[in-house]
């Protein structure tokens, strides 16, 4: 590309990031279809399981990098499916708390092998996966103006 080498497609980070994101998301969708979950539902359950206690919609959204306009319909579908419950916080009625139902907790056993199955198809070692995660956390933190933990 004469005069604009910085615009050559092969020099861009955006395309491989985008393509990798789509490929990983597609693979997760395949693995999760076996248990009837979507990828966003899986991520939501991971965040809630990790917390071990109810989270506010705001805190859950921050954890998932989603705004409430995206998260609320997702939570409604998950509640209809019996995976989570949403209840107004008794101490502050402006807050809605989300927690995992017994059905949602039981799904942990069904998806426990998903991370390993995904990693097995990525063609990288466990150490490379950890390094990639650290780099991606750094990119996200920098672009979103957050400080990410180092190490």
Protein backbone atom coordinates (compact mmCIF):
# COMPACT_ATOMS: atom_id res chain seq x y z
CA UNK A 1 0.00 0.00 0.00
CA UNK A 2 1.89 3.00 -1.26
CA UNK A 3 2.18 5.81 1.23
CA UNK A 4 0.05 4.13 3.95
CA UNK A 5 1.88 1.00 5.16
CA UNK A 6 0.24 1.41 8.58
CA UNK A 7 -3.09 0.61 6.91
CA UNK A 8 -2.03 -2.75 5.48
CA UNK A 9 -4.46 -5.39 6.69
CA UNK A 10 -1.62 -7.75 7.65
CA UNK A 11 -0.26 -5.07 10.01
CA UNK A 12 -3.46 -4.64 12.02
CA UNK A 13 -4.11 -6.16 15.45
CA UNK A 14 -7.85 -5.75 15.08
CA UNK A 15 -8.39 -8.48 12.50
CA UNK A 16 -6.68 -11.35 14.34
CA UNK A 17 -8.30 -10.26 17.62
CA UNK A 18 -11.69 -10.15 15.95
CA UNK A 19 -11.22 -13.47 14.14
CA UNK A 20 -9.91 -15.17 17.30
CA UNK A 21 -12.80 -13.82 19.35
CA UNK A 22 -15.32 -15.12 16.82
CA UNK A 23 -13.62 -18.53 16.62
CA UNK A 24 -13.46 -18.92 20.41
CA UNK A 25 -17.06 -17.77 20.83
CA UNK A 26 -18.20 -20.20 18.12
CA UNK A 27 -16.36 -23.08 19.82
CA UNK A 28 -17.85 -22.20 23.21
CA UNK A 29 -21.31 -22.12 21.61
CA UNK A 30 -20.76 -25.64 20.24
CA UNK A 31 -19.59 -26.98 23.60
CA UNK A 32 -22.34 -25.25 25.59
CA UNK A 33 -25.13 -26.30 23.24
CA UNK A 34 -24.67 -29.79 24.70
CA UNK A 35 -26.10 -28.51 28.02
CA UNK A 36 -28.51 -25.94 26.58
CA UNK A 37 -26.55 -22.81 27.51
CA UNK A 38 -25.58 -19.86 25.38
CA UNK A 39 -22.14 -18.32 25.67
CA UNK A 40 -23.43 -15.16 27.44
CA UNK A 41 -25.40 -17.35 29.88
CA UNK A 42 -22.25 -19.36 30.59
CA UNK A 43 -20.24 -16.21 31.28
CA UNK A 44 -22.97 -14.93 33.59
CA UNK A 45 -23.05 -18.18 35.52
CA UNK A 46 -19.25 -18.19 35.77
CA UNK A 47 -19.33 -14.72 37.32
CA UNK A 48 -22.06 -15.67 39.77
CA UNK A 49 -20.47 -19.00 40.70
CA UNK A 50 -17.17 -17.23 41.21
CA UNK A 51 -18.77 -14.64 43.52
CA UNK A 52 -20.43 -17.34 45.61
CA UNK A 53 -23.09 -14.86 46.68
CA UNK A 54 -25.74 -12.71 45.03
CA UNK A 55 -24.39 -9.86 42.91
CA UNK A 56 -26.12 -6.64 42.00
CA UNK A 57 -26.93 -6.23 38.33
CA UNK A 58 -24.46 -3.34 38.30
CA UNK A 59 -21.63 -5.42 39.79
CA UNK A 60 -22.41 -8.33 37.49
CA UNK A 61 -22.38 -6.01 34.49
CA UNK A 62 -19.02 -4.58 35.53
CA UNK A 63 -17.62 -8.08 35.94
CA UNK A 64 -18.86 -9.08 32.46
CA UNK A 65 -18.10 -5.75 30.75
CA UNK A 66 -21.81 -5.44 29.85
CA UNK A 67 -24.22 -2.56 30.33
CA UNK A 68 -27.60 -3.08 31.97
CA UNK A 69 -29.39 -2.71 28.62
CA UNK A 70 -27.62 -5.85 27.42
CA UNK A 71 -27.57 -7.69 30.74
CA UNK A 72 -31.22 -7.24 31.77
CA UNK A 73 -32.75 -9.18 28.83
CA UNK A 74 -30.14 -11.91 29.31
CA UNK A 75 -31.01 -12.19 33.01
CA UNK A 76 -34.74 -12.27 32.20
CA UNK A 77 -34.19 -15.24 29.86
CA UNK A 78 -32.01 -16.97 32.45
CA UNK A 79 -34.64 -16.41 35.13
CA UNK A 80 -37.35 -17.83 32.84
CA UNK A 81 -35.10 -20.87 32.31
CA UNK A 82 -34.79 -21.29 36.08
CA UNK A 83 -31.04 -20.63 36.23
CA UNK A 84 -31.04 -17.40 38.26
CA UNK A 85 -33.35 -15.32 40.43
CA UNK A 86 -33.56 -11.55 40.55
CA UNK A 87 -34.85 -9.75 43.63
CA UNK A 88 -34.82 -6.15 44.78
CA UNK A 89 -32.32 -5.53 47.57
CA UNK A 90 -34.24 -5.08 50.83
CA UNK A 91 -31.71 -2.48 52.02
CA UNK A 92 -31.76 -0.47 48.77
CA UNK A 93 -34.71 -1.03 46.45
CA UNK A 94 -32.85 0.62 43.57
CA UNK A 95 -30.53 -2.39 43.46
CA UNK A 96 -31.50 -5.72 41.95
CA UNK A 97 -29.63 -8.75 43.25
CA UNK A 98 -29.01 -11.82 41.12
CA UNK A 99 -28.23 -15.25 42.44
CA UNK A 100 -27.92 -18.74 41.05
CA UNK A 101 -30.77 -21.19 41.61
CA UNK A 102 -30.20 -24.83 42.50
CA UNK A 103 -30.66 -25.68 38.80
CA UNK A 104 -28.00 -23.15 37.90
CA UNK A 105 -25.58 -24.57 40.47
CA UNK A 106 -26.14 -28.11 39.15
CA UNK A 107 -24.97 -26.99 35.70
CA UNK A 108 -21.44 -26.53 37.07
CA UNK A 109 -20.88 -30.27 36.89
CA UNK A 110 -22.11 -30.32 33.29
CA UNK A 111 -19.72 -27.59 32.13
CA UNK A 112 -16.71 -28.33 34.33
CA UNK A 113 -14.80 -29.77 31.37
CA UNK A 114 -15.57 -26.92 28.95
CA UNK A 115 -12.41 -24.85 29.66
CA UNK A 116 -10.19 -27.89 29.18
CA UNK A 117 -12.01 -28.97 26.02
CA UNK A 118 -11.70 -25.48 24.58
CA UNK A 119 -8.02 -25.19 25.49
CA UNK A 120 -7.33 -28.56 23.91
CA UNK A 121 -8.44 -27.24 20.54
CA UNK A 122 -6.51 -23.98 20.69
CA UNK A 123 -3.08 -25.41 19.91
CA UNK A 124 -1.26 -23.73 22.78
CA UNK A 125 0.26 -24.82 26.04
CA UNK A 126 -1.21 -24.00 29.45
CA UNK A 127 1.59 -21.46 29.97
CA UNK A 128 0.87 -19.81 26.62
CA UNK A 129 -2.81 -19.63 27.58
CA UNK A 130 -1.92 -17.89 30.87
CA UNK A 131 0.38 -15.46 29.03
CA UNK A 132 -2.32 -14.69 26.48
CA UNK A 133 -4.84 -14.06 29.27
CA UNK A 134 -2.44 -11.60 30.94
CA UNK A 135 -1.85 -9.76 27.67
CA UNK A 136 -5.57 -9.56 26.93
CA UNK A 137 -6.30 -8.32 30.46
CA UNK A 138 -3.68 -5.62 29.90
CA UNK A 139 -5.24 -4.60 26.57
CA UNK A 140 -8.75 -4.50 28.04
CA UNK A 141 -7.60 -2.58 31.09
CA UNK A 142 -5.71 -0.05 29.01
CA UNK A 143 -8.53 0.50 26.55
CA UNK A 144 -11.17 0.72 29.27
CA UNK A 145 -8.98 2.93 31.46
CA UNK A 146 -8.76 0.40 34.27
CA UNK A 147 -5.77 -0.93 36.12
CA UNK A 148 -5.42 -4.68 35.81
CA UNK A 149 -3.61 -6.84 38.34
CA UNK A 150 -0.14 -7.79 37.25
CA UNK A 151 1.23 -11.27 37.70
